[in-house]
C-alpha cells in the first residue's frame, strides 16, 4: 500500500512521489533533505512524521517529491514501529562513522521487510567532504557490490551514491536519481498491467466468439466444448 499525499498536493502535477530518508541519528538525513528542498512547503504525514516538498521536471513531466525522514533503529519507547510504505527510500550512513556503516545491513533488511514490493532503494554515503573517513570509498564499493547477492536481492535493488550536504555534492543527483528510478519503475508496472489487461480482454472476446459459434453450430444442443 502506497502513501497517498493529501489531495491538495496531488492537483496540478503529473506524478507525486514520496521519498523517505532512513538512517541513524546524526548521519545527515535532515541536512540532505533541507539542502535539496530549500524553501519547500511543509506538512504532516499520516504516520505522525513531517514532510517537505519540491517540484522537479522529469521526462517532460511535472513531479512533486514529498520528502520525509525515518529514524533507524526506531525509538524503543514507541513500541513496535513499522516503516511507512512509500515509493522510494534512501538508506543513509555517515562516512565518518564506522558504526553507522555497520548498521546498514540491518537497516536495509528492515526496509526490505516493510517496503512495498516495487519500492526503489538507494544507499547514500553522506559527509564525503570530511577528509578523515572511517569508511573508505573502496569499502563502500566492495560492500555495495556484494550486498545484493548476500541478502538475496536483485543486483539492481541497492544502488550506492556518495553525497555531502555541506558542500551540496551530489545532493541534487541523489534525489533525482531516486526519482528517476521510481518513475521508470512505475512506467514499467503500467506497461505490464496494460499488457495483462489486453490479454484478459482478448480472452473474454475469444470466449464470447467461441460460445456464439458453438450455439450456432449445435443449435443450442450440448457439444461438450470447454471454454
C-alpha atoms as a PDB file:
ATOM      1  CA  UNK A   1       0.000   0.000   0.000  1.00  0.00           C
ATOM      2  CA  UNK A   2       1.489   3.331  -1.079  1.00  0.00           C
ATOM      3  CA  UNK A   3       1.462   6.542   0.918  1.00  0.00           C
ATOM      4  CA  UNK A   4      -1.210   8.818  -0.568  1.00  0.00           C
ATOM      5  CA  UNK A   5      -0.398  12.546  -0.442  1.00  0.00           C
ATOM      6  CA  UNK A   6      -3.198  14.924   0.587  1.00  0.00           C
ATOM      7  CA  UNK A   7      -5.492  15.745  -2.335  1.00  0.00           C
ATOM      8  CA  UNK A   8      -4.463  19.392  -2.367  1.00  0.00           C
ATOM      9  CA  UNK A   9      -0.891  18.282  -3.051  1.00  0.00           C
ATOM     10  CA  UNK A  10      -1.818  15.992  -5.934  1.00  0.00           C
ATOM     11  CA  UNK A  11      -3.575  18.598  -8.048  1.00  0.00           C
ATOM     12  CA  UNK A  12      -1.606  20.146 -10.882  1.00  0.00           C
ATOM     13  CA  UNK A  13       1.133  17.510 -11.001  1.00  0.00           C
ATOM     14  CA  UNK A  14       1.707  14.576 -13.326  1.00  0.00           C
ATOM     15  CA  UNK A  15       3.204  12.480 -10.513  1.00  0.00           C
ATOM     16  CA  UNK A  16       3.563  12.643  -6.735  1.00  0.00           C
ATOM     17  CA  UNK A  17       6.431  10.553  -5.326  1.00  0.00           C
ATOM     18  CA  UNK A  18       7.028  10.091  -1.616  1.00  0.00           C
ATOM     19  CA  UNK A  19      10.691   9.596  -0.701  1.00  0.00           C
ATOM     20  CA  UNK A  20      11.831   8.575   2.779  1.00  0.00           C
ATOM     21  CA  UNK A  21      15.314   9.096   4.220  1.00  0.00           C
ATOM     22  CA  UNK A  22      16.194   6.238   6.568  1.00  0.00           C
ATOM     23  CA  UNK A  23      19.182   6.102   8.906  1.00  0.00           C
ATOM     24  CA  UNK A  24      20.623   6.519  12.377  1.00  0.00           C
ATOM     25  CA  UNK A  25      20.917   9.784  14.267  1.00  0.00           C
ATOM     26  CA  UNK A  26      23.455  12.338  13.028  1.00  0.00           C
ATOM     27  CA  UNK A  27      24.024  10.735   9.601  1.00  0.00           C
ATOM     28  CA  UNK A  28      22.671  13.888   7.949  1.00  0.00           C
ATOM     29  CA  UNK A  29      19.137  12.940   6.954  1.00  0.00           C
ATOM     30  CA  UNK A  30      17.644  16.338   7.705  1.00  0.00           C
ATOM     31  CA  UNK A  31      20.609  18.214   6.246  1.00  0.00           C
ATOM     32  CA  UNK A  32      20.272  16.341   2.956  1.00  0.00           C
ATOM     33  CA  UNK A  33      16.541  16.953   2.868  1.00  0.00           C
ATOM     34  CA  UNK A  34      16.833  20.641   3.655  1.00  0.00           C
ATOM     35  CA  UNK A  35      19.618  21.215   1.135  1.00  0.00           C
ATOM     36  CA  UNK A  36      17.551  19.603  -1.594  1.00  0.00           C
ATOM     37  CA  UNK A  37      14.191  21.090  -0.665  1.00  0.00           C
ATOM     38  CA  UNK A  38      15.277  24.619   0.213  1.00  0.00           C
ATOM     39  CA  UNK A  39      12.111  26.587   0.995  1.00  0.00           C
ATOM     40  CA  UNK A  40       9.668  23.865   0.020  1.00  0.00           C
ATOM     41  CA  UNK A  41       6.228  23.514   1.559  1.00  0.00           C
ATOM     42  CA  UNK A  42       5.933  21.747   4.909  1.00  0.00           C
ATOM     43  CA  UNK A  43       3.258  19.453   6.290  1.00  0.00           C
ATOM     44  CA  UNK A  44       2.470  16.375   8.360  1.00  0.00           C
ATOM     45  CA  UNK A  45       2.152  12.793   7.151  1.00  0.00           C
ATOM     46  CA  UNK A  46      -0.478  10.303   8.245  1.00  0.00           C
ATOM     47  CA  UNK A  47       2.142   8.451  10.341  1.00  0.00           C
ATOM     48  CA  UNK A  48       2.913  11.451  12.597  1.00  0.00           C
ATOM     49  CA  UNK A  49       6.053  12.439  10.712  1.00  0.00           C
ATOM     50  CA  UNK A  50       6.893  15.572   8.776  1.00  0.00           C
ATOM     51  CA  UNK A  51       7.449  16.065   5.077  1.00  0.00           C
ATOM     52  CA  UNK A  52       8.677  18.826   2.839  1.00  0.00           C
ATOM     53  CA  UNK A  53       8.083  19.104  -0.877  1.00  0.00           C
ATOM     54  CA  UNK A  54       9.840  20.190  -4.024  1.00  0.00           C
ATOM     55  CA  UNK A  55       8.721  20.108  -7.646  1.00  0.00           C
ATOM     56  CA  UNK A  56      11.103  18.839 -10.333  1.00  0.00           C
ATOM     57  CA  UNK A  57      10.885  18.223 -14.068  1.00  0.00           C
ATOM     58  CA  UNK A  58      11.332  14.635 -15.196  1.00  0.00           C
ATOM     59  CA  UNK A  59      10.860  13.378 -18.773  1.00  0.00           C
ATOM     60  CA  UNK A  60       8.711  16.419 -19.612  1.00  0.00           C
ATOM     61  CA  UNK A  61       6.537  15.650 -16.579  1.00  0.00           C
ATOM     62  CA  UNK A  62       5.914  17.783 -13.510  1.00  0.00           C
ATOM     63  CA  UNK A  63       6.815  15.664 -10.491  1.00  0.00           C
ATOM     64  CA  UNK A  64       6.289  16.673  -6.879  1.00  0.00           C
ATOM     65  CA  UNK A  65       8.578  14.959  -4.390  1.00  0.00           C
ATOM     66  CA  UNK A  66       7.394  14.630  -0.791  1.00  0.00           C
ATOM     67  CA  UNK A  67      10.451  14.015   1.385  1.00  0.00           C
ATOM     68  CA  UNK A  68      10.315  12.749   4.976  1.00  0.00           C
ATOM     69  CA  UNK A  69      12.615  11.044   7.476  1.00  0.00           C
ATOM     70  CA  UNK A  70      12.606   7.808   9.444  1.00  0.00           C
ATOM     71  CA  UNK A  71      14.949   7.067  12.332  1.00  0.00           C
ATOM     72  CA  UNK A  72      16.537   3.609  12.348  1.00  0.00           C
ATOM     73  CA  UNK A  73      16.616   1.856  14.673  1.00  0.00           C
ATOM     74  CA  UNK A  74      13.257   3.239  15.837  1.00  0.00           C
ATOM     75  CA  UNK A  75      12.911   4.628  19.352  1.00  0.00           C
ATOM     76  CA  UNK A  76      12.173   1.577  21.583  1.00  0.00           C
ATOM     77  CA  UNK A  77       9.955   3.741  23.783  1.00  0.00           C
ATOM     78  CA  UNK A  78       7.473   3.940  20.889  1.00  0.00           C
ATOM     79  CA  UNK A  79       6.939   0.176  20.866  1.00  0.00           C
ATOM     80  CA  UNK A  80       6.577  -1.724  17.602  1.00  0.00           C
ATOM     81  CA  UNK A  81       7.078   0.692  14.711  1.00  0.00           C
ATOM     82  CA  UNK A  82       6.650  -0.254  11.075  1.00  0.00           C
ATOM     83  CA  UNK A  83       8.185   1.571   8.145  1.00  0.00           C
ATOM     84  CA  UNK A  84       5.638   3.607   6.163  1.00  0.00           C
ATOM     85  CA  UNK A  85       5.047   2.410   2.604  1.00  0.00           C
ATOM     86  CA  UNK A  86       6.430   4.956   0.141  1.00  0.00           C
ATOM     87  CA  UNK A  87       7.755   4.961  -3.424  1.00  0.00           C
ATOM     88  CA  UNK A  88      11.464   5.209  -2.638  1.00  0.00           C
ATOM     89  CA  UNK A  89      13.931   5.007   0.238  1.00  0.00           C
ATOM     90  CA  UNK A  90      17.378   6.457   0.836  1.00  0.00           C
ATOM     91  CA  UNK A  91      19.318   4.371   3.349  1.00  0.00           C
ATOM     92  CA  UNK A  92      21.908   6.835   4.663  1.00  0.00           C
ATOM     93  CA  UNK A  93      25.107   6.351   6.635  1.00  0.00           C
ATOM     94  CA  UNK A  94      27.913   8.684   7.703  1.00  0.00           C
ATOM     95  CA  UNK A  95      31.368   8.018   6.172  1.00  0.00           C
ATOM     96  CA  UNK A  96      32.957   9.389   9.382  1.00  0.00           C
ATOM     97  CA  UNK A  97      31.146   6.769  11.477  1.00  0.00           C
ATOM     98  CA  UNK A  98      32.012   3.106  11.051  1.00  0.00           C
ATOM     99  CA  UNK A  99      29.197   2.319  13.465  1.00  0.00           C
ATOM    100  CA  UNK A 100      26.582   3.815  11.132  1.00  0.00           C
ATOM    101  CA  UNK A 101      28.105   1.820   8.255  1.00  0.00           C
ATOM    102  CA  UNK A 102      27.912  -1.433  10.211  1.00  0.00           C
ATOM    103  CA  UNK A 103      24.213  -0.757  10.844  1.00  0.00           C
ATOM    104  CA  UNK A 104      23.435  -0.600   7.104  1.00  0.00           C
ATOM    105  CA  UNK A 105      22.740  -4.352   6.583  1.00  0.00           C
ATOM    106  CA  UNK A 106      20.157  -4.422   9.378  1.00  0.00           C
ATOM    107  CA  UNK A 107      18.657  -1.149   8.153  1.00  0.00           C
ATOM    108  CA  UNK A 108      18.321  -2.420   4.585  1.00  0.00           C
ATOM    109  CA  UNK A 109      16.819  -5.696   5.807  1.00  0.00           C
ATOM    110  CA  UNK A 110      14.314  -3.664   7.823  1.00  0.00           C
ATOM    111  CA  UNK A 111      13.442  -1.577   4.764  1.00  0.00           C
ATOM    112  CA  UNK A 112      13.156  -4.658   2.584  1.00  0.00           C
ATOM    113  CA  UNK A 113      10.846  -6.286   5.126  1.00  0.00           C
ATOM    114  CA  UNK A 114       8.439  -3.350   5.354  1.00  0.00           C
ATOM    115  CA  UNK A 115       8.765  -1.652   1.959  1.00  0.00           C
ATOM    116  CA  UNK A 116       6.259  -2.231  -0.848  1.00  0.00           C
ATOM    117  CA  UNK A 117       7.292  -4.822  -3.401  1.00  0.00           C
ATOM    118  CA  UNK A 118       8.147  -2.291  -6.109  1.00  0.00           C
ATOM    119  CA  UNK A 119       9.747   0.390  -3.918  1.00  0.00           C
ATOM    120  CA  UNK A 120      13.133   1.682  -5.052  1.00  0.00           C
ATOM    121  CA  UNK A 121      16.113   1.936  -2.682  1.00  0.00           C
ATOM    122  CA  UNK A 122      19.488   3.650  -2.917  1.00  0.00           C
ATOM    123  CA  UNK A 123      22.364   3.563  -0.424  1.00  0.00           C
ATOM    124  CA  UNK A 124      23.743   7.030   0.368  1.00  0.00           C
ATOM    125  CA  UNK A 125      27.202   7.662   1.849  1.00  0.00           C
ATOM    126  CA  UNK A 126      26.959  11.147   3.352  1.00  0.00           C
ATOM    127  CA  UNK A 127      29.550  13.670   4.669  1.00  0.00           C
ATOM    128  CA  UNK A 128      32.093  12.898   1.958  1.00  0.00           C
ATOM    129  CA  UNK A 129      33.500  16.434   2.410  1.00  0.00           C
ATOM    130  CA  UNK A 130      35.247  15.314   5.613  1.00  0.00           C
ATOM    131  CA  UNK A 131      38.894  14.439   4.999  1.00  0.00           C
ATOM    132  CA  UNK A 132      39.196  11.873   7.797  1.00  0.00           C
ATOM    133  CA  UNK A 133      36.902   8.990   6.897  1.00  0.00           C
ATOM    134  CA  UNK A 134      36.206   5.843   8.845  1.00  0.00           C
ATOM    135  CA  UNK A 135      34.610   4.224   5.793  1.00  0.00           C
ATOM    136  CA  UNK A 136      36.648   4.339   2.594  1.00  0.00           C
ATOM    137  CA  UNK A 137      35.308   4.595  -0.953  1.00  0.00           C
ATOM    138  CA  UNK A 138      36.772   1.148  -1.668  1.00  0.00           C
ATOM    139  CA  UNK A 139      34.886  -0.296   1.313  1.00  0.00           C
ATOM    140  CA  UNK A 140      31.636   1.221   0.045  1.00  0.00           C
ATOM    141  CA  UNK A 141      32.090  -0.173  -3.450  1.00  0.00           C
ATOM    142  CA  UNK A 142      33.045  -3.600  -2.189  1.00  0.00           C
ATOM    143  CA  UNK A 143      30.140  -3.653   0.221  1.00  0.00           C
ATOM    144  CA  UNK A 144      27.598  -2.426  -2.336  1.00  0.00           C
ATOM    145  CA  UNK A 145      28.719  -4.926  -4.979  1.00  0.00           C
ATOM    146  CA  UNK A 146      28.263  -7.880  -2.648  1.00  0.00           C
ATOM    147  CA  UNK A 147      25.280  -6.632  -0.657  1.00  0.00           C
ATOM    148  CA  UNK A 148      22.532  -7.643  -3.061  1.00  0.00           C
ATOM    149  CA  UNK A 149      23.914 -11.141  -3.502  1.00  0.00           C
ATOM    150  CA  UNK A 150      24.438 -11.576   0.231  1.00  0.00           C
ATOM    151  CA  UNK A 151      20.897 -10.527   1.090  1.00  0.00           C
ATOM    152  CA  UNK A 152      19.384 -12.376  -1.853  1.00  0.00           C
ATOM    153  CA  UNK A 153      18.180  -9.261  -3.678  1.00  0.00           C
ATOM    154  CA  UNK A 154      18.182  -8.425  -7.349  1.00  0.00           C
ATOM    155  CA  UNK A 155      21.519  -6.905  -8.356  1.00  0.00           C
ATOM    156  CA  UNK A 156      19.895  -3.558  -9.177  1.00  0.00           C
ATOM    157  CA  UNK A 157      17.911  -3.263  -5.960  1.00  0.00           C
ATOM    158  CA  UNK A 158      20.579  -1.481  -3.896  1.00  0.00           C
ATOM    159  CA  UNK A 159      22.492   1.293  -5.656  1.00  0.00           C
ATOM    160  CA  UNK A 160      25.179   3.408  -3.899  1.00  0.00           C
ATOM    161  CA  UNK A 161      25.544   7.212  -4.111  1.00  0.00           C
ATOM    162  CA  UNK A 162      28.077   9.471  -2.335  1.00  0.00           C
ATOM    163  CA  UNK A 163      26.918  12.886  -1.098  1.00  0.00           C
ATOM    164  CA  UNK A 164      27.893  15.874   1.004  1.00  0.00           C
ATOM    165  CA  UNK A 165      25.094  18.011   2.396  1.00  0.00           C
ATOM    166  CA  UNK A 166      27.647  20.618   3.489  1.00  0.00           C
ATOM    167  CA  UNK A 167      29.192  21.076   0.023  1.00  0.00           C
ATOM    168  CA  UNK A 168      25.996  20.200  -1.886  1.00  0.00           C
ATOM    169  CA  UNK A 169      27.981  17.421  -3.557  1.00  0.00           C
ATOM    170  CA  UNK A 170      25.621  15.063  -5.443  1.00  0.00           C
ATOM    171  CA  UNK A 171      22.631  16.065  -3.284  1.00  0.00           C
ATOM    172  CA  UNK A 172      20.578  17.050  -6.318  1.00  0.00           C
ATOM    173  CA  UNK A 173      21.804  13.972  -8.171  1.00  0.00           C
ATOM    174  CA  UNK A 174      20.824  11.584  -5.350  1.00  0.00           C
ATOM    175  CA  UNK A 175      17.218  12.776  -5.194  1.00  0.00           C
ATOM    176  CA  UNK A 176      16.796  12.998  -8.965  1.00  0.00           C
ATOM    177  CA  UNK A 177      18.415   9.584  -9.384  1.00  0.00           C
ATOM    178  CA  UNK A 178      15.929   8.019  -6.972  1.00  0.00           C
ATOM    179  CA  UNK A 179      13.021   9.895  -8.602  1.00  0.00           C
ATOM    180  CA  UNK A 180      14.185   8.598 -11.983  1.00  0.00           C
ATOM    181  CA  UNK A 181      14.219   5.011 -10.666  1.00  0.00           C
ATOM    182  CA  UNK A 182      10.716   5.450  -9.235  1.00  0.00           C
ATOM    183  CA  UNK A 183       9.391   6.972 -12.460  1.00  0.00           C
ATOM    184  CA  UNK A 184      10.830   4.233 -14.680  1.00  0.00           C
ATOM    185  CA  UNK A 185       9.606   1.517 -12.341  1.00  0.00           C
ATOM    186  CA  UNK A 186       6.054   2.890 -12.259  1.00  0.00           C
ATOM    187  CA  UNK A 187       6.019   3.206 -16.058  1.00  0.00           C
ATOM    188  CA  UNK A 188       7.208  -0.401 -16.325  1.00  0.00           C
ATOM    189  CA  UNK A 189       4.439  -1.564 -13.980  1.00  0.00           C
ATOM    190  CA  UNK A 190       1.880   0.358 -16.055  1.00  0.00           C
ATOM    191  CA  UNK A 191       3.084  -1.344 -19.248  1.00  0.00           C
ATOM    192  CA  UNK A 192       2.863  -4.774 -17.629  1.00  0.00           C
ATOM    193  CA  UNK A 193      -0.642  -4.090 -16.345  1.00  0.00           C
ATOM    194  CA  UNK A 194      -1.801  -2.773 -19.734  1.00  0.00           C
ATOM    195  CA  UNK A 195      -0.423  -5.926 -21.341  1.00  0.00           C
ATOM    196  CA  UNK A 196      -2.193  -8.138 -18.790  1.00  0.00           C
ATOM    197  CA  UNK A 197      -5.406  -6.187 -19.347  1.00  0.00           C
ATOM    198  CA  UNK A 198      -5.195  -6.775 -23.101  1.00  0.00           C
ATOM    199  CA  UNK A 199      -4.665 -10.489 -22.505  1.00  0.00           C
ATOM    200  CA  UNK A 200      -7.679 -10.660 -20.199  1.00  0.00           C
ATOM    201  CA  UNK A 201      -9.846  -8.661 -22.596  1.00  0.00           C
ATOM    202  CA  UNK A 202      -8.677 -10.784 -25.523  1.00  0.00           C
ATOM    203  CA  UNK A 203      -9.532 -13.934 -23.611  1.00  0.00           C
ATOM    204  CA  UNK A 204     -13.007 -12.599 -22.863  1.00  0.00           C
ATOM    205  CA  UNK A 205     -13.639 -11.820 -26.543  1.00  0.00           C
ATOM    206  CA  UNK A 206     -12.393 -15.266 -27.529  1.00  0.00           C
ATOM    207  CA  UNK A 207     -14.711 -16.852 -25.005  1.00  0.00           C
ATOM    208  CA  UNK A 208     -17.708 -14.922 -26.394  1.00  0.00           C
ATOM    209  CA  UNK A 209     -16.859 -15.790 -30.007  1.00  0.00           C
ATOM    210  CA  UNK A 210     -16.417 -19.489 -29.235  1.00  0.00           C
ATOM    211  CA  UNK A 211     -19.671 -19.601 -27.294  1.00  0.00           C
ATOM    212  CA  UNK A 212     -21.527 -17.918 -30.174  1.00  0.00           C
ATOM    213  CA  UNK A 213     -20.056 -20.302 -32.736  1.00  0.00           C
ATOM    214  CA  UNK A 214     -20.958 -23.296 -30.597  1.00  0.00           C
ATOM    215  CA  UNK A 215     -24.570 -22.118 -30.259  1.00  0.00           C
ATOM    216  CA  UNK A 216     -24.910 -21.546 -33.986  1.00  0.00           C
ATOM    217  CA  UNK A 217     -23.338 -24.876 -34.924  1.00  0.00           C
ATOM    218  CA  UNK A 218     -25.126 -27.069 -32.405  1.00  0.00           C
ATOM    219  CA  UNK A 219     -28.456 -25.221 -32.470  1.00  0.00           C
ATOM    220  CA  UNK A 220     -28.362 -24.981 -28.710  1.00  0.00           C
ATOM    221  CA  UNK A 221     -27.567 -28.656 -28.083  1.00  0.00           C
ATOM    222  CA  UNK A 222     -24.664 -29.519 -25.754  1.00  0.00           C
ATOM    223  CA  UNK A 223     -21.464 -30.250 -27.678  1.00  0.00           C
ATOM    224  CA  UNK A 224     -19.086 -30.804 -24.784  1.00  0.00           C
ATOM    225  CA  UNK A 225     -16.744 -27.935 -25.755  1.00  0.00           C
ATOM    226  CA  UNK A 226     -14.879 -26.488 -22.792  1.00  0.00           C
ATOM    227  CA  UNK A 227     -14.069 -22.753 -22.770  1.00  0.00           C
END
